[in-house]
Amino acid sequence: MDERVVDKREMLAPAHVVFLTRAWEIVGSKAHFAKEICAVTGIPEPILKGDEGSSQTCVAQKMSWMAGRQTTRPEDMAYALLGLCDVNMPLLYGEGGKAAFRRLQLQIIADSDDETIFAWQAMYGRALYNPSANRQTMLAQAPDAFSHAGDVLKIPASNEYYSHRPHYAMTNRGLLYQGNAKKLLKDRHGHDTPGHYMIHLNCFGPTCDRWPILVCKPLPEQMSYIRVQTQWAPEDLEAEYPEEDREDVELSHVYIV
């Protein structure tokens, strides 16, 4: 495993980490340098100090810690996240970085109901849909897509609003989703948006007044949808889709590829 990636796991796994000079003189502990380590790695100070466990941290935050990193072998970008995300899967060197990261996400989805795994943004612009670019999918291509997600928080299952949220599953047709959504009738230019839906994810930003949403549109001649953008409500959403042109609906057996 590449040493530039292992260091983050070594910061988290031991309860106590001590830093030494080349002369083996102690210069401080992980808790002592928590602020500096946080600035470099993105790992929150409370976790470094042991006040909070990384097991309480959502998937999107953990992915953000790997954003901007480099590995000698591309697969190690995904394999280094196995312990952090508490999942197991075989190491298949030679499969490529994108394939390894896709397998990692599929395993997380199979083992967890943490919807922050979908709260990534594409790596072009602000992730608004660009018709000339390749379409997005429900899964990110690399941890860099989570670079903005260091402060994303998962809403606990005990929350009243989400206590009866239906389960979702990844199938050979895409992500099977059923539950509340908003039908988008027109965009900000007054253009009709037939079959476009907005889905709230079960998470929010640090101030609790902004939450990530997915906007999906139908695939031609198929009974499925594609994810076309990720926005943060309410300001991004209001700018793109006026509230008067949204309608509450209940989706059943919708597949998002």
C-alpha atoms as a PDB file:
ATOM      1  CA  MET A   1       0.000   0.000   0.000  1.00  0.00           C
ATOM      2  CA  ASP A   2       1.317   3.443  -0.847  1.00  0.00           C
ATOM      3  CA  GLU A   3       2.796   5.211   2.193  1.00  0.00           C
ATOM      4  CA  ARG A   4       1.147   8.507   1.253  1.00  0.00           C
ATOM      5  CA  VAL A   5      -2.230   6.837   1.846  1.00  0.00           C
ATOM      6  CA  VAL A   6      -1.361   4.600   4.775  1.00  0.00           C
ATOM      7  CA  ASP A   7      -0.523   7.622   6.933  1.00  0.00           C
ATOM      8  CA  LYS A   8      -4.200   8.566   7.267  1.00  0.00           C
ATOM      9  CA  ARG A   9      -5.166   5.142   8.500  1.00  0.00           C
ATOM     10  CA  GLU A  10      -2.247   5.182  10.898  1.00  0.00           C
ATOM     11  CA  MET A  11      -3.517   8.491  12.248  1.00  0.00           C
ATOM     12  CA  LEU A  12      -6.885   6.924  13.074  1.00  0.00           C
ATOM     13  CA  ALA A  13      -6.300   3.292  14.031  1.00  0.00           C
ATOM     14  CA  PRO A  14      -4.035   3.720  17.113  1.00  0.00           C
ATOM     15  CA  ALA A  15      -5.480   5.438  20.176  1.00  0.00           C
ATOM     16  CA  HIS A  16      -2.143   7.159  20.751  1.00  0.00           C
ATOM     17  CA  VAL A  17       0.417   8.349  18.187  1.00  0.00           C
ATOM     18  CA  VAL A  18       3.691   9.987  19.169  1.00  0.00           C
ATOM     19  CA  PHE A  19       5.907  11.987  16.800  1.00  0.00           C
ATOM     20  CA  LEU A  20       9.683  11.724  17.113  1.00  0.00           C
ATOM     21  CA  THR A  21      12.635  13.573  15.647  1.00  0.00           C
ATOM     22  CA  ARG A  22      15.394  11.746  13.811  1.00  0.00           C
ATOM     23  CA  ALA A  23      17.240  11.708  17.118  1.00  0.00           C
ATOM     24  CA  TRP A  24      14.277   9.838  18.678  1.00  0.00           C
ATOM     25  CA  GLU A  25      13.216  12.808  20.747  1.00  0.00           C
ATOM     26  CA  ILE A  26       9.479  13.145  21.390  1.00  0.00           C
ATOM     27  CA  VAL A  27       8.027  16.334  19.862  1.00  0.00           C
ATOM     28  CA  GLY A  28       4.340  15.773  20.497  1.00  0.00           C
ATOM     29  CA  SER A  29       1.340  13.476  20.171  1.00  0.00           C
ATOM     30  CA  LYS A  30      -1.474  13.099  17.682  1.00  0.00           C
ATOM     31  CA  ALA A  31      -3.759  15.028  20.028  1.00  0.00           C
ATOM     32  CA  HIS A  32      -1.155  17.761  20.462  1.00  0.00           C
ATOM     33  CA  PHE A  33      -0.834  18.304  16.702  1.00  0.00           C
ATOM     34  CA  ALA A  34      -4.534  17.707  15.953  1.00  0.00           C
ATOM     35  CA  LYS A  35      -5.057  21.159  14.451  1.00  0.00           C
ATOM     36  CA  GLU A  36      -2.092  20.835  12.081  1.00  0.00           C
ATOM     37  CA  ILE A  37      -2.999  17.269  11.090  1.00  0.00           C
ATOM     38  CA  CYS A  38      -6.595  18.343  10.434  1.00  0.00           C
ATOM     39  CA  ALA A  39      -5.403  21.128   8.129  1.00  0.00           C
ATOM     40  CA  VAL A  40      -3.350  18.654   6.066  1.00  0.00           C
ATOM     41  CA  THR A  41      -5.581  15.575   6.054  1.00  0.00           C
ATOM     42  CA  GLY A  42      -9.106  16.953   6.534  1.00  0.00           C
ATOM     43  CA  ILE A  43      -9.698  14.556   9.447  1.00  0.00           C
ATOM     44  CA  PRO A  44     -11.676  16.499  12.123  1.00  0.00           C
ATOM     45  CA  GLU A  45      -9.854  17.448  15.309  1.00  0.00           C
ATOM     46  CA  PRO A  46     -12.341  15.671  17.658  1.00  0.00           C
ATOM     47  CA  ILE A  47     -11.596  12.360  15.925  1.00  0.00           C
ATOM     48  CA  LEU A  48      -7.844  12.902  16.097  1.00  0.00           C
ATOM     49  CA  LYS A  49      -8.125  13.770  19.786  1.00  0.00           C
ATOM     50  CA  GLY A  50     -10.249  10.711  20.499  1.00  0.00           C
ATOM     51  CA  ASP A  51     -13.320  12.710  21.484  1.00  0.00           C
ATOM     52  CA  GLU A  52     -15.298  11.128  18.627  1.00  0.00           C
ATOM     53  CA  GLY A  53     -14.894   7.795  16.876  1.00  0.00           C
ATOM     54  CA  SER A  54     -14.471   7.549  13.112  1.00  0.00           C
ATOM     55  CA  SER A  55     -17.209   4.906  13.142  1.00  0.00           C
ATOM     56  CA  GLN A  56     -19.685   7.751  13.781  1.00  0.00           C
ATOM     57  CA  THR A  57     -18.493   9.595  10.677  1.00  0.00           C
ATOM     58  CA  CYS A  58     -20.509   9.305   7.475  1.00  0.00           C
ATOM     59  CA  VAL A  59     -19.149   7.754   4.286  1.00  0.00           C
ATOM     60  CA  ALA A  60     -18.961  11.062   2.397  1.00  0.00           C
ATOM     61  CA  GLN A  61     -16.694  12.578   5.047  1.00  0.00           C
ATOM     62  CA  LYS A  62     -14.371   9.576   4.977  1.00  0.00           C
ATOM     63  CA  MET A  63     -14.207   9.757   1.194  1.00  0.00           C
ATOM     64  CA  SER A  64     -13.322  13.452   1.443  1.00  0.00           C
ATOM     65  CA  TRP A  65     -10.243  12.575   3.501  1.00  0.00           C
ATOM     66  CA  MET A  66      -8.871  10.732   0.463  1.00  0.00           C
ATOM     67  CA  ALA A  67      -9.638  13.505  -2.031  1.00  0.00           C
ATOM     68  CA  GLY A  68      -6.540  14.910  -3.656  1.00  0.00           C
ATOM     69  CA  ARG A  69      -4.373  11.985  -2.618  1.00  0.00           C
ATOM     70  CA  GLN A  70      -2.061  10.039  -4.900  1.00  0.00           C
ATOM     71  CA  THR A  71      -1.101   6.382  -4.932  1.00  0.00           C
ATOM     72  CA  THR A  72       1.569   4.460  -6.812  1.00  0.00           C
ATOM     73  CA  ARG A  73      -0.990   1.826  -7.784  1.00  0.00           C
ATOM     74  CA  PRO A  74      -4.394   3.253  -8.750  1.00  0.00           C
ATOM     75  CA  GLU A  75      -6.334   0.512  -6.965  1.00  0.00           C
ATOM     76  CA  ASP A  76      -4.867   1.558  -3.614  1.00  0.00           C
ATOM     77  CA  MET A  77      -7.005   4.695  -3.628  1.00  0.00           C
ATOM     78  CA  ALA A  78     -10.015   2.429  -3.033  1.00  0.00           C
ATOM     79  CA  TYR A  79      -8.296  -0.281  -0.991  1.00  0.00           C
ATOM     80  CA  ALA A  80      -7.034   2.285   1.543  1.00  0.00           C
ATOM     81  CA  LEU A  81     -10.672   3.089   2.353  1.00  0.00           C
ATOM     82  CA  LEU A  82     -11.672  -0.466   3.258  1.00  0.00           C
ATOM     83  CA  GLY A  83     -10.806  -0.146   6.938  1.00  0.00           C
ATOM     84  CA  LEU A  84     -12.138   3.398   7.214  1.00  0.00           C
ATOM     85  CA  CYS A  85     -15.487   2.348   5.733  1.00  0.00           C
ATOM     86  CA  ASP A  86     -15.574  -0.947   7.667  1.00  0.00           C
ATOM     87  CA  VAL A  87     -16.060  -3.155   4.609  1.00  0.00           C
ATOM     88  CA  ASN A  88     -14.245  -6.155   3.197  1.00  0.00           C
ATOM     89  CA  MET A  89     -13.583  -7.092  -0.404  1.00  0.00           C
ATOM     90  CA  PRO A  90     -10.808  -8.918  -2.283  1.00  0.00           C
ATOM     91  CA  LEU A  91      -7.815  -6.908  -3.493  1.00  0.00           C
ATOM     92  CA  LEU A  92      -7.564  -7.337  -7.265  1.00  0.00           C
ATOM     93  CA  TYR A  93      -4.508  -5.477  -8.484  1.00  0.00           C
ATOM     94  CA  GLY A  94      -4.788  -4.866 -12.191  1.00  0.00           C
ATOM     95  CA  GLU A  95      -8.521  -4.095 -12.186  1.00  0.00           C
ATOM     96  CA  GLY A  96      -7.829  -0.344 -12.332  1.00  0.00           C
ATOM     97  CA  GLY A  97      -8.649   2.510 -10.010  1.00  0.00           C
ATOM     98  CA  LYS A  98     -12.160   3.208 -11.301  1.00  0.00           C
ATOM     99  CA  ALA A  99     -13.183  -0.451 -11.126  1.00  0.00           C
ATOM    100  CA  ALA A 100     -11.800  -0.804  -7.598  1.00  0.00           C
ATOM    101  CA  PHE A 101     -13.577   2.343  -6.419  1.00  0.00           C
ATOM    102  CA  ARG A 102     -16.831   1.182  -7.987  1.00  0.00           C
ATOM    103  CA  ARG A 103     -16.566  -2.181  -6.197  1.00  0.00           C
ATOM    104  CA  LEU A 104     -15.904  -0.351  -2.945  1.00  0.00           C
ATOM    105  CA  GLN A 105     -19.035   1.764  -3.314  1.00  0.00           C
ATOM    106  CA  LEU A 106     -21.164  -1.242  -4.189  1.00  0.00           C
ATOM    107  CA  GLN A 107     -19.936  -3.048  -1.088  1.00  0.00           C
ATOM    108  CA  ILE A 108     -20.679  -0.008   1.093  1.00  0.00           C
ATOM    109  CA  ILE A 109     -24.208   0.199  -0.342  1.00  0.00           C
ATOM    110  CA  ALA A 110     -24.725  -3.504   0.343  1.00  0.00           C
ATOM    111  CA  ASP A 111     -23.611  -3.148   3.974  1.00  0.00           C
ATOM    112  CA  SER A 112     -24.932   0.314   4.901  1.00  0.00           C
ATOM    113  CA  ASP A 113     -27.897   2.667   4.550  1.00  0.00           C
ATOM    114  CA  ASP A 114     -25.643   5.739   4.531  1.00  0.00           C
ATOM    115  CA  GLU A 115     -26.998   7.872   1.683  1.00  0.00           C
ATOM    116  CA  THR A 116     -24.110  10.320   1.887  1.00  0.00           C
ATOM    117  CA  ILE A 117     -22.343   7.966  -0.528  1.00  0.00           C
ATOM    118  CA  PHE A 118     -24.475   9.631  -3.220  1.00  0.00           C
ATOM    119  CA  ALA A 119     -23.668  13.197  -2.053  1.00  0.00           C
ATOM    120  CA  TRP A 120     -20.709  13.605  -4.393  1.00  0.00           C
ATOM    121  CA  GLN A 121     -20.306  16.209  -7.095  1.00  0.00           C
ATOM    122  CA  ALA A 122     -18.861  15.654 -10.531  1.00  0.00           C
ATOM    123  CA  MET A 123     -15.373  16.938 -11.110  1.00  0.00           C
ATOM    124  CA  TYR A 124     -16.343  19.543 -13.699  1.00  0.00           C
ATOM    125  CA  GLY A 125     -17.603  22.935 -12.590  1.00  0.00           C
ATOM    126  CA  ARG A 126     -20.272  22.863  -9.897  1.00  0.00           C
ATOM    127  CA  ALA A 127     -21.581  19.513 -11.090  1.00  0.00           C
ATOM    128  CA  LEU A 128     -24.455  21.097 -12.993  1.00  0.00           C
ATOM    129  CA  TYR A 129     -25.349  18.902 -15.892  1.00  0.00           C
ATOM    130  CA  ASN A 130     -23.305  19.549 -18.995  1.00  0.00           C
ATOM    131  CA  PRO A 131     -24.978  17.942 -22.042  1.00  0.00           C
ATOM    132  CA  SER A 132     -21.657  17.822 -23.888  1.00  0.00           C
ATOM    133  CA  ALA A 133     -19.985  15.922 -21.038  1.00  0.00           C
ATOM    134  CA  ASN A 134     -20.390  12.267 -20.236  1.00  0.00           C
ATOM    135  CA  ARG A 135     -23.490  11.679 -18.161  1.00  0.00           C
ATOM    136  CA  GLN A 136     -23.123  11.026 -14.470  1.00  0.00           C
ATOM    137  CA  THR A 137     -24.036   7.792 -12.750  1.00  0.00           C
ATOM    138  CA  MET A 138     -25.135   7.103  -9.194  1.00  0.00           C
ATOM    139  CA  LEU A 139     -21.571   6.144  -8.277  1.00  0.00           C
ATOM    140  CA  ALA A 140     -18.552   8.438  -8.203  1.00  0.00           C
ATOM    141  CA  GLN A 141     -15.443   7.650 -10.234  1.00  0.00           C
ATOM    142  CA  ALA A 142     -12.898   8.656  -7.576  1.00  0.00           C
ATOM    143  CA  PRO A 143     -12.663  10.059  -4.027  1.00  0.00           C
ATOM    144  CA  ASP A 144     -11.934  13.489  -5.526  1.00  0.00           C
ATOM    145  CA  ALA A 145     -15.670  13.792  -6.233  1.00  0.00           C
ATOM    146  CA  PHE A 146     -16.159  14.019  -2.438  1.00  0.00           C
ATOM    147  CA  SER A 147     -13.679  16.863  -1.959  1.00  0.00           C
ATOM    148  CA  HIS A 148     -16.536  19.190  -0.901  1.00  0.00           C
ATOM    149  CA  ALA A 149     -18.090  16.689   1.527  1.00  0.00           C
ATOM    150  CA  GLY A 150     -15.912  17.166   4.589  1.00  0.00           C
ATOM    151  CA  ASP A 151     -18.810  18.662   6.563  1.00  0.00           C
ATOM    152  CA  VAL A 152     -21.687  16.507   5.280  1.00  0.00           C
ATOM    153  CA  LEU A 153     -23.676  14.903   8.110  1.00  0.00           C
ATOM    154  CA  LYS A 154     -25.895  11.841   7.983  1.00  0.00           C
ATOM    155  CA  ILE A 155     -29.390  12.187   9.424  1.00  0.00           C
ATOM    156  CA  PRO A 156     -29.870   9.340  11.936  1.00  0.00           C
ATOM    157  CA  ALA A 157     -32.529   6.719  11.327  1.00  0.00           C
ATOM    158  CA  SER A 158     -34.209   7.824  14.551  1.00  0.00           C
ATOM    159  CA  ASN A 159     -35.116  11.143  12.936  1.00  0.00           C
ATOM    160  CA  GLU A 160     -38.889  11.366  12.548  1.00  0.00           C
ATOM    161  CA  TYR A 161     -38.767  12.525   8.932  1.00  0.00           C
ATOM    162  CA  TYR A 162     -36.649   9.590   7.796  1.00  0.00           C
ATOM    163  CA  SER A 163     -37.772   6.898  10.248  1.00  0.00           C
ATOM    164  CA  HIS A 164     -39.945   5.276   7.580  1.00  0.00           C
ATOM    165  CA  ARG A 165     -37.689   5.945   4.614  1.00  0.00           C
ATOM    166  CA  PRO A 166     -37.835   2.982   2.195  1.00  0.00           C
ATOM    167  CA  HIS A 167     -34.723   0.945   1.586  1.00  0.00           C
ATOM    168  CA  TYR A 168     -32.835   1.151  -1.668  1.00  0.00           C
ATOM    169  CA  ALA A 169     -30.688  -1.420  -3.436  1.00  0.00           C
ATOM    170  CA  MET A 170     -28.261  -1.612  -6.317  1.00  0.00           C
ATOM    171  CA  THR A 171     -29.487  -3.963  -9.056  1.00  0.00           C
ATOM    172  CA  ASN A 172     -28.387  -4.917 -12.558  1.00  0.00           C
ATOM    173  CA  ARG A 173     -30.698  -2.145 -13.810  1.00  0.00           C
ATOM    174  CA  GLY A 174     -29.265   0.527 -11.551  1.00  0.00           C
ATOM    175  CA  LEU A 175     -30.205   1.861  -8.132  1.00  0.00           C
ATOM    176  CA  LEU A 176     -33.739   0.828  -7.179  1.00  0.00           C
ATOM    177  CA  TYR A 177     -35.409   3.727  -5.376  1.00  0.00           C
ATOM    178  CA  GLN A 178     -38.896   4.182  -4.006  1.00  0.00           C
ATOM    179  CA  GLY A 179     -40.087   7.002  -1.829  1.00  0.00           C
ATOM    180  CA  ASN A 180     -40.816  10.721  -1.731  1.00  0.00           C
ATOM    181  CA  ALA A 181     -39.650  12.984  -4.529  1.00  0.00           C
ATOM    182  CA  LYS A 182     -40.564  16.207  -6.252  1.00  0.00           C
ATOM    183  CA  LYS A 183     -41.555  16.318  -9.884  1.00  0.00           C
ATOM    184  CA  LEU A 184     -39.887  19.207 -11.686  1.00  0.00           C
ATOM    185  CA  LEU A 185     -42.229  20.799 -14.186  1.00  0.00           C
ATOM    186  CA  LYS A 186     -40.120  23.643 -15.593  1.00  0.00           C
ATOM    187  CA  ASP A 187     -36.609  25.028 -15.235  1.00  0.00           C
ATOM    188  CA  ARG A 188     -35.686  28.644 -14.517  1.00  0.00           C
ATOM    189  CA  HIS A 189     -35.920  29.481 -18.229  1.00  0.00           C
ATOM    190  CA  GLY A 190     -39.530  28.294 -18.364  1.00  0.00           C
ATOM    191  CA  HIS A 191     -38.641  25.206 -20.386  1.00  0.00           C
ATOM    192  CA  ASP A 192     -40.641  22.039 -19.717  1.00  0.00           C
ATOM    193  CA  THR A 193     -38.700  19.287 -17.925  1.00  0.00           C
ATOM    194  CA  PRO A 194     -40.804  16.152 -18.544  1.00  0.00           C
ATOM    195  CA  GLY A 195     -39.956  13.218 -16.319  1.00  0.00           C
ATOM    196  CA  HIS A 196     -37.440  15.154 -14.212  1.00  0.00           C
ATOM    197  CA  TYR A 197     -37.458  14.386 -10.489  1.00  0.00           C
ATOM    198  CA  MET A 198     -35.680  15.711  -7.444  1.00  0.00           C
ATOM    199  CA  ILE A 199     -34.740  13.323  -4.625  1.00  0.00           C
ATOM    200  CA  HIS A 200     -33.597  14.513  -1.189  1.00  0.00           C
ATOM    201  CA  LEU A 201     -30.732  12.587   0.312  1.00  0.00           C
ATOM    202  CA  ASN A 202     -30.784  11.584   3.962  1.00  0.00           C
ATOM    203  CA  CYS A 203     -28.069  14.055   4.991  1.00  0.00           C
ATOM    204  CA  PHE A 204     -27.406  17.763   5.368  1.00  0.00           C
ATOM    205  CA  GLY A 205     -24.711  20.400   5.659  1.00  0.00           C
ATOM    206  CA  PRO A 206     -23.297  21.707   8.935  1.00  0.00           C
ATOM    207  CA  THR A 207     -25.927  24.428   9.384  1.00  0.00           C
ATOM    208  CA  CYS A 208     -28.802  21.967   8.799  1.00  0.00           C
ATOM    209  CA  ASP A 209     -30.480  24.404   6.382  1.00  0.00           C
ATOM    210  CA  ARG A 210     -28.818  22.966   3.265  1.00  0.00           C
ATOM    211  CA  TRP A 211     -29.164  19.423   2.058  1.00  0.00           C
ATOM    212  CA  PRO A 212     -27.962  17.621  -1.069  1.00  0.00           C
ATOM    213  CA  ILE A 213     -30.464  16.591  -3.684  1.00  0.00           C
ATOM    214  CA  LEU A 214     -30.262  14.537  -6.834  1.00  0.00           C
ATOM    215  CA  VAL A 215     -31.921  15.612 -10.049  1.00  0.00           C
ATOM    216  CA  CYS A 216     -32.766  12.748 -12.409  1.00  0.00           C
ATOM    217  CA  LYS A 217     -34.220  12.621 -15.885  1.00  0.00           C
ATOM    218  CA  PRO A 218     -35.575   9.687 -17.916  1.00  0.00           C
ATOM    219  CA  LEU A 219     -33.464   7.731 -20.348  1.00  0.00           C
ATOM    220  CA  PRO A 220     -34.982   7.657 -23.843  1.00  0.00           C
ATOM    221  CA  GLU A 221     -36.894   4.442 -24.601  1.00  0.00           C
ATOM    222  CA  GLN A 222     -35.980   2.924 -21.220  1.00  0.00           C
ATOM    223  CA  MET A 223     -37.828   2.528 -17.945  1.00  0.00           C
ATOM    224  CA  SER A 224     -34.977   4.073 -15.994  1.00  0.00           C
ATOM    225  CA  TYR A 225     -33.419   7.426 -15.148  1.00  0.00           C
ATOM    226  CA  ILE A 226     -29.992   9.009 -15.090  1.00  0.00           C
ATOM    227  CA  ARG A 227     -28.585  11.312 -12.462  1.00  0.00           C
ATOM    228  CA  VAL A 228     -27.872  14.609 -14.182  1.00  0.00           C
ATOM    229  CA  GLN A 229     -26.759  16.861 -11.333  1.00  0.00           C
ATOM    230  CA  THR A 230     -26.296  17.331  -7.609  1.00  0.00           C
ATOM    231  CA  GLN A 231     -27.360  20.564  -5.981  1.00  0.00           C
ATOM    232  CA  TRP A 232     -27.519  21.968  -2.481  1.00  0.00           C
ATOM    233  CA  ALA A 233     -30.973  23.129  -1.478  1.00  0.00           C
ATOM    234  CA  PRO A 234     -32.394  25.630  -1.052  1.00  0.00           C
ATOM    235  CA  GLU A 235     -30.340  28.270  -2.872  1.00  0.00           C
ATOM    236  CA  ASP A 236     -28.972  26.184  -5.768  1.00  0.00           C
ATOM    237  CA  LEU A 237     -32.296  24.473  -6.276  1.00  0.00           C
ATOM    238  CA  GLU A 238     -34.310  27.690  -6.254  1.00  0.00           C
ATOM    239  CA  ALA A 239     -31.970  29.192  -8.822  1.00  0.00           C
ATOM    240  CA  GLU A 240     -32.455  26.284 -11.208  1.00  0.00           C
ATOM    241  CA  TYR A 241     -36.018  25.053 -10.493  1.00  0.00           C
ATOM    242  CA  PRO A 242     -38.506  27.609  -9.060  1.00  0.00           C
ATOM    243  CA  GLU A 243     -40.607  26.306  -6.179  1.00  0.00           C
ATOM    244  CA  GLU A 244     -43.885  26.955  -7.964  1.00  0.00           C
ATOM    245  CA  ASP A 245     -42.815  24.509 -10.663  1.00  0.00           C
ATOM    246  CA  ARG A 246     -42.294  21.556  -8.308  1.00  0.00           C
ATOM    247  CA  GLU A 247     -44.849  18.940  -7.334  1.00  0.00           C
ATOM    248  CA  ASP A 248     -44.743  16.349  -4.515  1.00  0.00           C
ATOM    249  CA  VAL A 249     -44.970  12.765  -5.766  1.00  0.00           C
ATOM    250  CA  GLU A 250     -44.353   9.228  -4.537  1.00  0.00           C
ATOM    251  CA  LEU A 251     -42.003   7.156  -6.677  1.00  0.00           C
ATOM    252  CA  SER A 252     -42.273   3.379  -6.810  1.00  0.00           C
ATOM    253  CA  HIS A 253     -39.667   1.045  -8.306  1.00  0.00           C
ATOM    254  CA  VAL A 254     -37.660   3.692 -10.083  1.00  0.00           C
ATOM    255  CA  TYR A 255     -34.256   2.648 -11.409  1.00  0.00           C
ATOM    256  CA  ILE A 256     -31.459   5.227 -11.555  1.00  0.00           C
ATOM    257  CA  VAL A 257     -28.364   4.197 -13.503  1.00  0.00           C
END
